[in-house]
Amino acid sequence: MSETTYLVAAILVSAAVTWALRALPFAALAPLRASGTVQYLSTRMPAGIMVILVVYCLRDVPPDHARALAPFAALTVTVGLHLWRRNALLSILGGTAVHVALASTVFAH
């Protein structure tokens, strides 16, 4: 096999595998959309994921240390903004701004 033929064959095989791997999730997703279990999980998982993320982010923060005030204040602002405005972007930006401001000024080393 010549080098050119080998390279063309390798490119075609790579393209076919890439296309198949990108199409597979869409082909597998179609039958799952009608599933009752998937519909149930789609309503319950966002809150569950947020709880897991909060626990993960705060797991190493000692609650009795003064530096813990920045993450807990940011969490309070995030929850408060979200309950008030129901706007995820505003909540995330507000909480992030509070955390960055506190961590870089009040609680800087």
PDB file of N, CA and C in Angstrom:
ATOM      1  N   MET A   1       0.853  -1.174   0.000  1.00  0.00           N
ATOM      2  CA  MET A   1       0.000   0.000   0.000  1.00  0.00           C
ATOM      3  C   MET A   1       0.895   1.231   0.000  1.00  0.00           C
ATOM      4  N   SER A   2       0.579   2.155  -0.865  1.00  0.00           N
ATOM      5  CA  SER A   2       1.404   3.359  -0.932  1.00  0.00           C
ATOM      6  C   SER A   2       1.107   4.256   0.263  1.00  0.00           C
ATOM      7  N   GLU A   3       2.017   5.169   0.482  1.00  0.00           N
ATOM      8  CA  GLU A   3       1.873   6.069   1.629  1.00  0.00           C
ATOM      9  C   GLU A   3       0.633   6.954   1.496  1.00  0.00           C
ATOM     10  N   THR A   4       0.359   7.425   0.296  1.00  0.00           N
ATOM     11  CA  THR A   4      -0.807   8.280   0.065  1.00  0.00           C
ATOM     12  C   THR A   4      -2.099   7.511   0.320  1.00  0.00           C
ATOM     13  N   THR A   5      -2.190   6.286  -0.181  1.00  0.00           N
ATOM     14  CA  THR A   5      -3.377   5.456   0.033  1.00  0.00           C
ATOM     15  C   THR A   5      -3.567   5.175   1.516  1.00  0.00           C
ATOM     16  N   TYR A   6      -2.490   4.895   2.204  1.00  0.00           N
ATOM     17  CA  TYR A   6      -2.548   4.634   3.641  1.00  0.00           C
ATOM     18  C   TYR A   6      -3.062   5.861   4.397  1.00  0.00           C
ATOM     19  N   LEU A   7      -2.553   7.039   4.057  1.00  0.00           N
ATOM     20  CA  LEU A   7      -2.997   8.260   4.727  1.00  0.00           C
ATOM     21  C   LEU A   7      -4.464   8.557   4.459  1.00  0.00           C
ATOM     22  N   VAL A   8      -4.907   8.378   3.221  1.00  0.00           N
ATOM     23  CA  VAL A   8      -6.318   8.606   2.886  1.00  0.00           C
ATOM     24  C   VAL A   8      -7.199   7.612   3.638  1.00  0.00           C
ATOM     25  N   ALA A   9      -6.785   6.346   3.700  1.00  0.00           N
ATOM     26  CA  ALA A   9      -7.554   5.333   4.430  1.00  0.00           C
ATOM     27  C   ALA A   9      -7.616   5.668   5.916  1.00  0.00           C
ATOM     28  N   ALA A  10      -6.503   6.116   6.486  1.00  0.00           N
ATOM     29  CA  ALA A  10      -6.490   6.478   7.907  1.00  0.00           C
ATOM     30  C   ALA A  10      -7.410   7.661   8.184  1.00  0.00           C
ATOM     31  N   ILE A  11      -7.416   8.642   7.312  1.00  0.00           N
ATOM     32  CA  ILE A  11      -8.292   9.806   7.478  1.00  0.00           C
ATOM     33  C   ILE A  11      -9.759   9.391   7.363  1.00  0.00           C
ATOM     34  N   LEU A  12     -10.078   8.537   6.398  1.00  0.00           N
ATOM     35  CA  LEU A  12     -11.463   8.089   6.237  1.00  0.00           C
ATOM     36  C   LEU A  12     -11.941   7.275   7.434  1.00  0.00           C
ATOM     37  N   VAL A  13     -11.089   6.402   7.939  1.00  0.00           N
ATOM     38  CA  VAL A  13     -11.459   5.614   9.122  1.00  0.00           C
ATOM     39  C   VAL A  13     -11.639   6.529  10.334  1.00  0.00           C
ATOM     40  N   SER A  14     -10.751   7.474  10.507  1.00  0.00           N
ATOM     41  CA  SER A  14     -10.871   8.420  11.624  1.00  0.00           C
ATOM     42  C   SER A  14     -12.145   9.248  11.517  1.00  0.00           C
ATOM     43  N   ALA A  15     -12.462   9.694  10.328  1.00  0.00           N
ATOM     44  CA  ALA A  15     -13.675  10.482  10.119  1.00  0.00           C
ATOM     45  C   ALA A  15     -14.921   9.645  10.400  1.00  0.00           C
ATOM     46  N   ALA A  16     -14.929   8.394   9.957  1.00  0.00           N
ATOM     47  CA  ALA A  16     -16.087   7.524  10.187  1.00  0.00           C
ATOM     48  C   ALA A  16     -16.272   7.237  11.678  1.00  0.00           C
ATOM     49  N   VAL A  17     -15.196   6.978  12.388  1.00  0.00           N
ATOM     50  CA  VAL A  17     -15.291   6.716  13.826  1.00  0.00           C
ATOM     51  C   VAL A  17     -15.736   7.969  14.565  1.00  0.00           C
ATOM     52  N   THR A  18     -15.196   9.112  14.191  1.00  0.00           N
ATOM     53  CA  THR A  18     -15.597  10.366  14.832  1.00  0.00           C
ATOM     54  C   THR A  18     -17.075  10.642  14.596  1.00  0.00           C
ATOM     55  N   TRP A  19     -17.545  10.479  13.358  1.00  0.00           N
ATOM     56  CA  TRP A  19     -18.948  10.707  13.054  1.00  0.00           C
ATOM     57  C   TRP A  19     -19.839   9.747  13.848  1.00  0.00           C
ATOM     58  N   ALA A  20     -19.460   8.481  13.917  1.00  0.00           N
ATOM     59  CA  ALA A  20     -20.264   7.484  14.637  1.00  0.00           C
ATOM     60  C   ALA A  20     -20.321   7.806  16.133  1.00  0.00           C
ATOM     61  N   LEU A  21     -19.194   8.207  16.697  1.00  0.00           N
ATOM     62  CA  LEU A  21     -19.183   8.521  18.124  1.00  0.00           C
ATOM     63  C   LEU A  21     -20.006   9.772  18.435  1.00  0.00           C
ATOM     64  N   ARG A  22     -20.056  10.707  17.512  1.00  0.00           N
ATOM     65  CA  ARG A  22     -20.869  11.916  17.736  1.00  0.00           C
ATOM     66  C   ARG A  22     -22.343  11.644  17.499  1.00  0.00           C
ATOM     67  N   ALA A  23     -22.687  10.719  16.627  1.00  0.00           N
ATOM     68  CA  ALA A  23     -24.089  10.415  16.332  1.00  0.00           C
ATOM     69  C   ALA A  23     -24.700   9.456  17.354  1.00  0.00           C
ATOM     70  N   LEU A  24     -23.882   8.635  17.996  1.00  0.00           N
ATOM     71  CA  LEU A  24     -24.381   7.621  18.927  1.00  0.00           C
ATOM     72  C   LEU A  24     -25.216   8.194  20.073  1.00  0.00           C
ATOM     73  N   PRO A  25     -24.807   9.269  20.748  1.00  0.00           N
ATOM     74  CA  PRO A  25     -25.655   9.782  21.834  1.00  0.00           C
ATOM     75  C   PRO A  25     -27.036  10.231  21.358  1.00  0.00           C
ATOM     76  N   PHE A  26     -27.124  10.805  20.174  1.00  0.00           N
ATOM     77  CA  PHE A  26     -28.423  11.231  19.665  1.00  0.00           C
ATOM     78  C   PHE A  26     -29.302  10.037  19.330  1.00  0.00           C
ATOM     79  N   ALA A  27     -28.706   8.979  18.814  1.00  0.00           N
ATOM     80  CA  ALA A  27     -29.474   7.772  18.509  1.00  0.00           C
ATOM     81  C   ALA A  27     -29.939   7.086  19.791  1.00  0.00           C
ATOM     82  N   ALA A  28     -29.127   7.115  20.831  1.00  0.00           N
ATOM     83  CA  ALA A  28     -29.502   6.493  22.100  1.00  0.00           C
ATOM     84  C   ALA A  28     -30.486   7.357  22.885  1.00  0.00           C
ATOM     85  N   LEU A  29     -30.482   8.657  22.663  1.00  0.00           N
ATOM     86  CA  LEU A  29     -31.332   9.572  23.412  1.00  0.00           C
ATOM     87  C   LEU A  29     -32.790   9.505  22.977  1.00  0.00           C
ATOM     88  N   ALA A  30     -33.055   9.243  21.724  1.00  0.00           N
ATOM     89  CA  ALA A  30     -34.424   9.248  21.203  1.00  0.00           C
ATOM     90  C   ALA A  30     -35.353   8.309  21.973  1.00  0.00           C
ATOM     91  N   PRO A  31     -35.004   7.054  22.199  1.00  0.00           N
ATOM     92  CA  PRO A  31     -35.924   6.181  22.951  1.00  0.00           C
ATOM     93  C   PRO A  31     -36.039   6.569  24.429  1.00  0.00           C
ATOM     94  N   LEU A  32     -35.021   7.213  24.978  1.00  0.00           N
ATOM     95  CA  LEU A  32     -35.060   7.571  26.397  1.00  0.00           C
ATOM     96  C   LEU A  32     -35.995   8.731  26.695  1.00  0.00           C
ATOM     97  N   ARG A  33     -36.280   9.560  25.720  1.00  0.00           N
ATOM     98  CA  ARG A  33     -37.133  10.733  25.962  1.00  0.00           C
ATOM     99  C   ARG A  33     -38.536  10.349  26.379  1.00  0.00           C
ATOM    100  N   ALA A  34     -39.019   9.201  25.950  1.00  0.00           N
ATOM    101  CA  ALA A  34     -40.364   8.765  26.309  1.00  0.00           C
ATOM    102  C   ALA A  34     -40.386   8.014  27.643  1.00  0.00           C
ATOM    103  N   SER A  35     -39.245   7.764  28.221  1.00  0.00           N
ATOM    104  CA  SER A  35     -39.158   6.994  29.464  1.00  0.00           C
ATOM    105  C   SER A  35     -39.671   7.805  30.646  1.00  0.00           C
ATOM    106  N   GLY A  36     -40.498   7.187  31.472  1.00  0.00           N
ATOM    107  CA  GLY A  36     -41.002   7.837  32.675  1.00  0.00           C
ATOM    108  C   GLY A  36     -39.903   8.116  33.680  1.00  0.00           C
ATOM    109  N   THR A  37     -38.943   7.223  33.768  1.00  0.00           N
ATOM    110  CA  THR A  37     -37.832   7.407  34.705  1.00  0.00           C
ATOM    111  C   THR A  37     -36.997   8.623  34.333  1.00  0.00           C
ATOM    112  N   VAL A  38     -36.715   8.782  33.059  1.00  0.00           N
ATOM    113  CA  VAL A  38     -35.924   9.924  32.612  1.00  0.00           C
ATOM    114  C   VAL A  38     -36.693  11.225  32.838  1.00  0.00           C
ATOM    115  N   GLN A  39     -37.988  11.213  32.605  1.00  0.00           N
ATOM    116  CA  GLN A  39     -38.787  12.416  32.847  1.00  0.00           C
ATOM    117  C   GLN A  39     -38.798  12.764  34.338  1.00  0.00           C
ATOM    118  N   TYR A  40     -38.887  11.763  35.199  1.00  0.00           N
ATOM    119  CA  TYR A  40     -38.852  12.003  36.642  1.00  0.00           C
ATOM    120  C   TYR A  40     -37.500  12.581  37.053  1.00  0.00           C
ATOM    121  N   LEU A  41     -36.426  11.979  36.566  1.00  0.00           N
ATOM    122  CA  LEU A  41     -35.089  12.457  36.908  1.00  0.00           C
ATOM    123  C   LEU A  41     -34.838  13.864  36.381  1.00  0.00           C
ATOM    124  N   SER A  42     -35.407  14.207  35.235  1.00  0.00           N
ATOM    125  CA  SER A  42     -35.183  15.546  34.685  1.00  0.00           C
ATOM    126  C   SER A  42     -35.803  16.627  35.561  1.00  0.00           C
ATOM    127  N   THR A  43     -36.819  16.287  36.347  1.00  0.00           N
ATOM    128  CA  THR A  43     -37.410  17.279  37.249  1.00  0.00           C
ATOM    129  C   THR A  43     -36.727  17.310  38.601  1.00  0.00           C
ATOM    130  N   ARG A  44     -36.114  16.203  39.019  1.00  0.00           N
ATOM    131  CA  ARG A  44     -35.524  16.121  40.353  1.00  0.00           C
ATOM    132  C   ARG A  44     -34.017  16.348  40.395  1.00  0.00           C
ATOM    133  N   MET A  45     -33.328  16.079  39.322  1.00  0.00           N
ATOM    134  CA  MET A  45     -31.867  16.128  39.341  1.00  0.00           C
ATOM    135  C   MET A  45     -31.267  17.525  39.488  1.00  0.00           C
ATOM    136  N   PRO A  46     -31.826  18.572  38.891  1.00  0.00           N
ATOM    137  CA  PRO A  46     -31.168  19.882  39.050  1.00  0.00           C
ATOM    138  C   PRO A  46     -30.986  20.287  40.512  1.00  0.00           C
ATOM    139  N   ALA A  47     -31.988  20.104  41.336  1.00  0.00           N
ATOM    140  CA  ALA A  47     -31.846  20.451  42.757  1.00  0.00           C
ATOM    141  C   ALA A  47     -30.851  19.528  43.447  1.00  0.00           C
ATOM    142  N   GLY A  48     -30.892  18.267  43.117  1.00  0.00           N
ATOM    143  CA  GLY A  48     -29.949  17.313  43.708  1.00  0.00           C
ATOM    144  C   GLY A  48     -28.510  17.620  43.338  1.00  0.00           C
ATOM    145  N   ILE A  49     -28.287  17.986  42.105  1.00  0.00           N
ATOM    146  CA  ILE A  49     -26.933  18.331  41.660  1.00  0.00           C
ATOM    147  C   ILE A  49     -26.446  19.582  42.375  1.00  0.00           C
ATOM    148  N   MET A  50     -27.321  20.559  42.552  1.00  0.00           N
ATOM    149  CA  MET A  50     -26.921  21.784  43.257  1.00  0.00           C
ATOM    150  C   MET A  50     -26.541  21.486  44.700  1.00  0.00           C
ATOM    151  N   VAL A  51     -27.279  20.611  45.366  1.00  0.00           N
ATOM    152  CA  VAL A  51     -26.940  20.235  46.745  1.00  0.00           C
ATOM    153  C   VAL A  51     -25.571  19.561  46.775  1.00  0.00           C
ATOM    154  N   ILE A  52     -25.325  18.673  45.837  1.00  0.00           N
ATOM    155  CA  ILE A  52     -24.027  17.993  45.784  1.00  0.00           C
ATOM    156  C   ILE A  52     -22.910  19.004  45.546  1.00  0.00           C
ATOM    157  N   LEU A  53     -23.108  19.962  44.649  1.00  0.00           N
ATOM    158  CA  LEU A  53     -22.085  20.975  44.383  1.00  0.00           C
ATOM    159  C   LEU A  53     -21.817  21.849  45.604  1.00  0.00           C
ATOM    160  N   VAL A  54     -22.860  22.234  46.327  1.00  0.00           N
ATOM    161  CA  VAL A  54     -22.670  23.058  47.521  1.00  0.00           C
ATOM    162  C   VAL A  54     -21.889  22.291  48.572  1.00  0.00           C
ATOM    163  N   VAL A  55     -22.257  21.045  48.809  1.00  0.00           N
ATOM    164  CA  VAL A  55     -21.536  20.226  49.798  1.00  0.00           C
ATOM    165  C   VAL A  55     -20.086  20.042  49.375  1.00  0.00           C
ATOM    166  N   TYR A  56     -19.860  19.784  48.096  1.00  0.00           N
ATOM    167  CA  TYR A  56     -18.499  19.598  47.595  1.00  0.00           C
ATOM    168  C   TYR A  56     -17.667  20.864  47.774  1.00  0.00           C
ATOM    169  N   CYS A  57     -18.253  22.008  47.465  1.00  0.00           N
ATOM    170  CA  CYS A  57     -17.510  23.270  47.558  1.00  0.00           C
ATOM    171  C   CYS A  57     -17.227  23.677  49.000  1.00  0.00           C
ATOM    172  N   LEU A  58     -18.096  23.325  49.906  1.00  0.00           N
ATOM    173  CA  LEU A  58     -17.935  23.758  51.294  1.00  0.00           C
ATOM    174  C   LEU A  58     -17.382  22.669  52.207  1.00  0.00           C
ATOM    175  N   ARG A  59     -16.997  21.517  51.665  1.00  0.00           N
ATOM    176  CA  ARG A  59     -16.574  20.397  52.502  1.00  0.00           C
ATOM    177  C   ARG A  59     -15.298  20.674  53.294  1.00  0.00           C
ATOM    178  N   ASP A  60     -14.404  21.483  52.769  1.00  0.00           N
ATOM    179  CA  ASP A  60     -13.134  21.746  53.443  1.00  0.00           C
ATOM    180  C   ASP A  60     -13.124  23.068  54.191  1.00  0.00           C
ATOM    181  N   VAL A  61     -14.242  23.753  54.252  1.00  0.00           N
ATOM    182  CA  VAL A  61     -14.302  25.049  54.927  1.00  0.00           C
ATOM    183  C   VAL A  61     -14.616  24.808  56.406  1.00  0.00           C
ATOM    184  N   PRO A  62     -13.691  25.180  57.299  1.00  0.00           N
ATOM    185  CA  PRO A  62     -13.972  25.000  58.724  1.00  0.00           C
ATOM    186  C   PRO A  62     -14.996  26.037  59.189  1.00  0.00           C
ATOM    187  N   PRO A  63     -16.148  25.607  59.703  1.00  0.00           N
ATOM    188  CA  PRO A  63     -17.208  26.565  60.036  1.00  0.00           C
ATOM    189  C   PRO A  63     -16.859  27.495  61.199  1.00  0.00           C
ATOM    190  N   ASP A  64     -15.878  27.138  62.007  1.00  0.00           N
ATOM    191  CA  ASP A  64     -15.541  27.970  63.160  1.00  0.00           C
ATOM    192  C   ASP A  64     -14.378  28.929  62.873  1.00  0.00           C
ATOM    193  N   HIS A  65     -13.905  28.966  61.662  1.00  0.00           N
ATOM    194  CA  HIS A  65     -12.780  29.823  61.294  1.00  0.00           C
ATOM    195  C   HIS A  65     -13.318  31.108  60.672  1.00  0.00           C
ATOM    196  N   ALA A  66     -12.633  32.223  60.894  1.00  0.00           N
ATOM    197  CA  ALA A  66     -13.097  33.514  60.382  1.00  0.00           C
ATOM    198  C   ALA A  66     -13.107  33.554  58.858  1.00  0.00           C
ATOM    199  N   ARG A  67     -12.197  32.821  58.204  1.00  0.00           N
ATOM    200  CA  ARG A  67     -12.143  32.814  56.736  1.00  0.00           C
ATOM    201  C   ARG A  67     -13.351  32.107  56.129  1.00  0.00           C
ATOM    202  N   ALA A  68     -14.112  31.383  56.929  1.00  0.00           N
ATOM    203  CA  ALA A  68     -15.297  30.699  56.420  1.00  0.00           C
ATOM    204  C   ALA A  68     -16.425  31.675  56.123  1.00  0.00           C
ATOM    205  N   LEU A  69     -16.287  32.900  56.587  1.00  0.00           N
ATOM    206  CA  LEU A  69     -17.343  33.877  56.370  1.00  0.00           C
ATOM    207  C   LEU A  69     -17.523  34.211  54.883  1.00  0.00           C
ATOM    208  N   ALA A  70     -16.454  34.269  54.126  1.00  0.00           N
ATOM    209  CA  ALA A  70     -16.559  34.617  52.704  1.00  0.00           C
ATOM    210  C   ALA A  70     -17.398  33.599  51.922  1.00  0.00           C
ATOM    211  N   PRO A  71     -17.113  32.293  51.999  1.00  0.00           N
ATOM    212  CA  PRO A  71     -17.951  31.355  51.241  1.00  0.00           C
ATOM    213  C   PRO A  71     -19.390  31.300  51.745  1.00  0.00           C
ATOM    214  N   PHE A  72     -19.579  31.383  53.054  1.00  0.00           N
ATOM    215  CA  PHE A  72     -20.941  31.311  53.579  1.00  0.00           C
ATOM    216  C   PHE A  72     -21.726  32.588  53.265  1.00  0.00           C
ATOM    217  N   ALA A  73     -21.075  33.736  53.257  1.00  0.00           N
ATOM    218  CA  ALA A  73     -21.745  34.975  52.854  1.00  0.00           C
ATOM    219  C   ALA A  73     -22.106  34.912  51.372  1.00  0.00           C
ATOM    220  N   ALA A  74     -21.204  34.389  50.564  1.00  0.00           N
ATOM    221  CA  ALA A  74     -21.486  34.247  49.130  1.00  0.00           C
ATOM    222  C   ALA A  74     -22.643  33.282  48.903  1.00  0.00           C
ATOM    223  N   LEU A  75     -22.679  32.200  49.650  1.00  0.00           N
ATOM    224  CA  LEU A  75     -23.786  31.247  49.540  1.00  0.00           C
ATOM    225  C   LEU A  75     -25.099  31.905  49.935  1.00  0.00           C
ATOM    226  N   THR A  76     -25.076  32.672  51.006  1.00  0.00           N
ATOM    227  CA  THR A  76     -26.287  33.365  51.448  1.00  0.00           C
ATOM    228  C   THR A  76     -26.775  34.362  50.401  1.00  0.00           C
ATOM    229  N   VAL A  77     -25.856  35.114  49.828  1.00  0.00           N
ATOM    230  CA  VAL A  77     -26.230  36.086  48.792  1.00  0.00           C
ATOM    231  C   VAL A  77     -26.774  35.364  47.562  1.00  0.00           C
ATOM    232  N   THR A  78     -26.140  34.278  47.169  1.00  0.00           N
ATOM    233  CA  THR A  78     -26.596  33.524  46.000  1.00  0.00           C
ATOM    234  C   THR A  78     -28.009  33.000  46.206  1.00  0.00           C
ATOM    235  N   VAL A  79     -28.257  32.378  47.347  1.00  0.00           N
ATOM    236  CA  VAL A  79     -29.593  31.839  47.632  1.00  0.00           C
ATOM    237  C   VAL A  79     -30.609  32.977  47.727  1.00  0.00           C
ATOM    238  N   GLY A  80     -30.241  34.047  48.421  1.00  0.00           N
ATOM    239  CA  GLY A  80     -31.153  35.177  48.562  1.00  0.00           C
ATOM    240  C   GLY A  80     -31.521  35.802  47.227  1.00  0.00           C
ATOM    241  N   LEU A  81     -30.516  36.030  46.383  1.00  0.00           N
ATOM    242  CA  LEU A  81     -30.791  36.599  45.059  1.00  0.00           C
ATOM    243  C   LEU A  81     -31.664  35.668  44.223  1.00  0.00           C
ATOM    244  N   HIS A  82     -31.400  34.379  44.331  1.00  0.00           N
ATOM    245  CA  HIS A  82     -32.187  33.454  43.524  1.00  0.00           C
ATOM    246  C   HIS A  82     -33.633  33.381  44.007  1.00  0.00           C
ATOM    247  N   LEU A  83     -33.836  33.385  45.303  1.00  0.00           N
ATOM    248  CA  LEU A  83     -35.207  33.375  45.817  1.00  0.00           C
ATOM    249  C   LEU A  83     -35.935  34.679  45.488  1.00  0.00           C
ATOM    250  N   TRP A  84     -35.193  35.761  45.460  1.00  0.00           N
ATOM    251  CA  TRP A  84     -35.794  37.068  45.200  1.00  0.00           C
ATOM    252  C   TRP A  84     -36.111  37.257  43.722  1.00  0.00           C
ATOM    253  N   ARG A  85     -35.132  37.004  42.853  1.00  0.00           N
ATOM    254  CA  ARG A  85     -35.288  37.334  41.434  1.00  0.00           C
ATOM    255  C   ARG A  85     -35.529  36.120  40.524  1.00  0.00           C
ATOM    256  N   ARG A  86     -35.237  34.908  40.980  1.00  0.00           N
ATOM    257  CA  ARG A  86     -35.369  33.695  40.156  1.00  0.00           C
ATOM    258  C   ARG A  86     -34.576  33.807  38.854  1.00  0.00           C
ATOM    259  N   ASN A  87     -33.365  34.342  38.962  1.00  0.00           N
ATOM    260  CA  ASN A  87     -32.506  34.525  37.802  1.00  0.00           C
ATOM    261  C   ASN A  87     -31.162  33.875  38.130  1.00  0.00           C
ATOM    262  N   ALA A  88     -30.877  32.749  37.488  1.00  0.00           N
ATOM    263  CA  ALA A  88     -29.667  31.997  37.793  1.00  0.00           C
ATOM    264  C   ALA A  88     -28.401  32.805  37.522  1.00  0.00           C
ATOM    265  N   LEU A  89     -28.369  33.524  36.426  1.00  0.00           N
ATOM    266  CA  LEU A  89     -27.178  34.301  36.088  1.00  0.00           C
ATOM    267  C   LEU A  89     -26.914  35.380  37.135  1.00  0.00           C
ATOM    268  N   LEU A  90     -27.955  36.086  37.531  1.00  0.00           N
ATOM    269  CA  LEU A  90     -27.804  37.112  38.560  1.00  0.00           C
ATOM    270  C   LEU A  90     -27.345  36.499  39.886  1.00  0.00           C
ATOM    271  N   SER A  91     -27.900  35.364  40.248  1.00  0.00           N
ATOM    272  CA  SER A  91     -27.527  34.702  41.492  1.00  0.00           C
ATOM    273  C   SER A  91     -26.055  34.285  41.493  1.00  0.00           C
ATOM    274  N   ILE A  92     -25.640  33.678  40.395  1.00  0.00           N
ATOM    275  CA  ILE A  92     -24.251  33.209  40.296  1.00  0.00           C
ATOM    276  C   ILE A  92     -23.285  34.382  40.295  1.00  0.00           C
ATOM    277  N   LEU A  93     -23.578  35.404  39.500  1.00  0.00           N
ATOM    278  CA  LEU A  93     -22.686  36.569  39.450  1.00  0.00           C
ATOM    279  C   LEU A  93     -22.646  37.305  40.785  1.00  0.00           C
ATOM    280  N   GLY A  94     -23.796  37.459  41.427  1.00  0.00           N
ATOM    281  CA  GLY A  94     -23.833  38.135  42.724  1.00  0.00           C
ATOM    282  C   GLY A  94     -23.054  37.397  43.787  1.00  0.00           C
ATOM    283  N   GLY A  95     -23.259  36.089  43.883  1.00  0.00           N
ATOM    284  CA  GLY A  95     -22.524  35.291  44.863  1.00  0.00           C
ATOM    285  C   GLY A  95     -21.033  35.275  44.594  1.00  0.00           C
ATOM    286  N   THR A  96     -20.662  35.176  43.319  1.00  0.00           N
ATOM    287  CA  THR A  96     -19.249  35.192  42.960  1.00  0.00           C
ATOM    288  C   THR A  96     -18.616  36.533  43.307  1.00  0.00           C
ATOM    289  N   ALA A  97     -19.315  37.622  43.020  1.00  0.00           N
ATOM    290  CA  ALA A  97     -18.786  38.954  43.328  1.00  0.00           C
ATOM    291  C   ALA A  97     -18.584  39.135  44.823  1.00  0.00           C
ATOM    292  N   VAL A  98     -19.536  38.677  45.622  1.00  0.00           N
ATOM    293  CA  VAL A  98     -19.394  38.792  47.083  1.00  0.00           C
ATOM    294  C   VAL A  98     -18.211  37.967  47.572  1.00  0.00           C
ATOM    295  N   HIS A  99     -18.079  36.749  47.065  1.00  0.00           N
ATOM    296  CA  HIS A  99     -16.971  35.898  47.501  1.00  0.00           C
ATOM    297  C   HIS A  99     -15.621  36.498  47.120  1.00  0.00           C
ATOM    298  N   VAL A 100     -15.505  36.957  45.878  1.00  0.00           N
ATOM    299  CA  VAL A 100     -14.238  37.532  45.423  1.00  0.00           C
ATOM    300  C   VAL A 100     -13.916  38.792  46.213  1.00  0.00           C
ATOM    301  N   ALA A 101     -14.909  39.638  46.445  1.00  0.00           N
ATOM    302  CA  ALA A 101     -14.671  40.869  47.189  1.00  0.00           C
ATOM    303  C   ALA A 101     -14.227  40.587  48.608  1.00  0.00           C
ATOM    304  N   LEU A 102     -14.909  39.666  49.287  1.00  0.00           N
ATOM    305  CA  LEU A 102     -14.542  39.336  50.666  1.00  0.00           C
ATOM    306  C   LEU A 102     -13.199  38.624  50.758  1.00  0.00           C
ATOM    307  N   ALA A 103     -12.997  37.671  49.867  1.00  0.00           N
ATOM    308  CA  ALA A 103     -11.765  36.875  49.911  1.00  0.00           C
ATOM    309  C   ALA A 103     -10.535  37.707  49.558  1.00  0.00           C
ATOM    310  N   SER A 104     -10.696  38.692  48.704  1.00  0.00           N
ATOM    311  CA  SER A 104      -9.527  39.478  48.278  1.00  0.00           C
ATOM    312  C   SER A 104      -9.299  40.729  49.107  1.00  0.00           C
ATOM    313  N   THR A 105     -10.254  41.125  49.903  1.00  0.00           N
ATOM    314  CA  THR A 105     -10.059  42.336  50.713  1.00  0.00           C
ATOM    315  C   THR A 105     -10.090  42.023  52.202  1.00  0.00           C
ATOM    316  N   VAL A 106     -11.210  41.620  52.702  1.00  0.00           N
ATOM    317  CA  VAL A 106     -11.381  41.430  54.140  1.00  0.00           C
ATOM    318  C   VAL A 106     -10.556  40.258  54.653  1.00  0.00           C
ATOM    319  N   PHE A 107     -10.545  39.154  53.903  1.00  0.00           N
ATOM    320  CA  PHE A 107      -9.902  37.947  54.392  1.00  0.00           C
ATOM    321  C   PHE A 107      -8.623  37.616  53.642  1.00  0.00           C
ATOM    322  N   ALA A 108      -8.005  38.606  53.009  1.00  0.00           N
ATOM    323  CA  ALA A 108      -6.743  38.365  52.309  1.00  0.00           C
ATOM    324  C   ALA A 108      -5.644  38.103  53.330  1.00  0.00           C
ATOM    325  N   HIS A 109      -4.694  37.324  52.938  1.00  0.00           N
ATOM    326  CA  HIS A 109      -3.595  36.979  53.845  1.00  0.00           C
ATOM    327  C   HIS A 109      -2.809  38.197  54.196  1.00  0.00           C
TER     328      HIS A 109
END
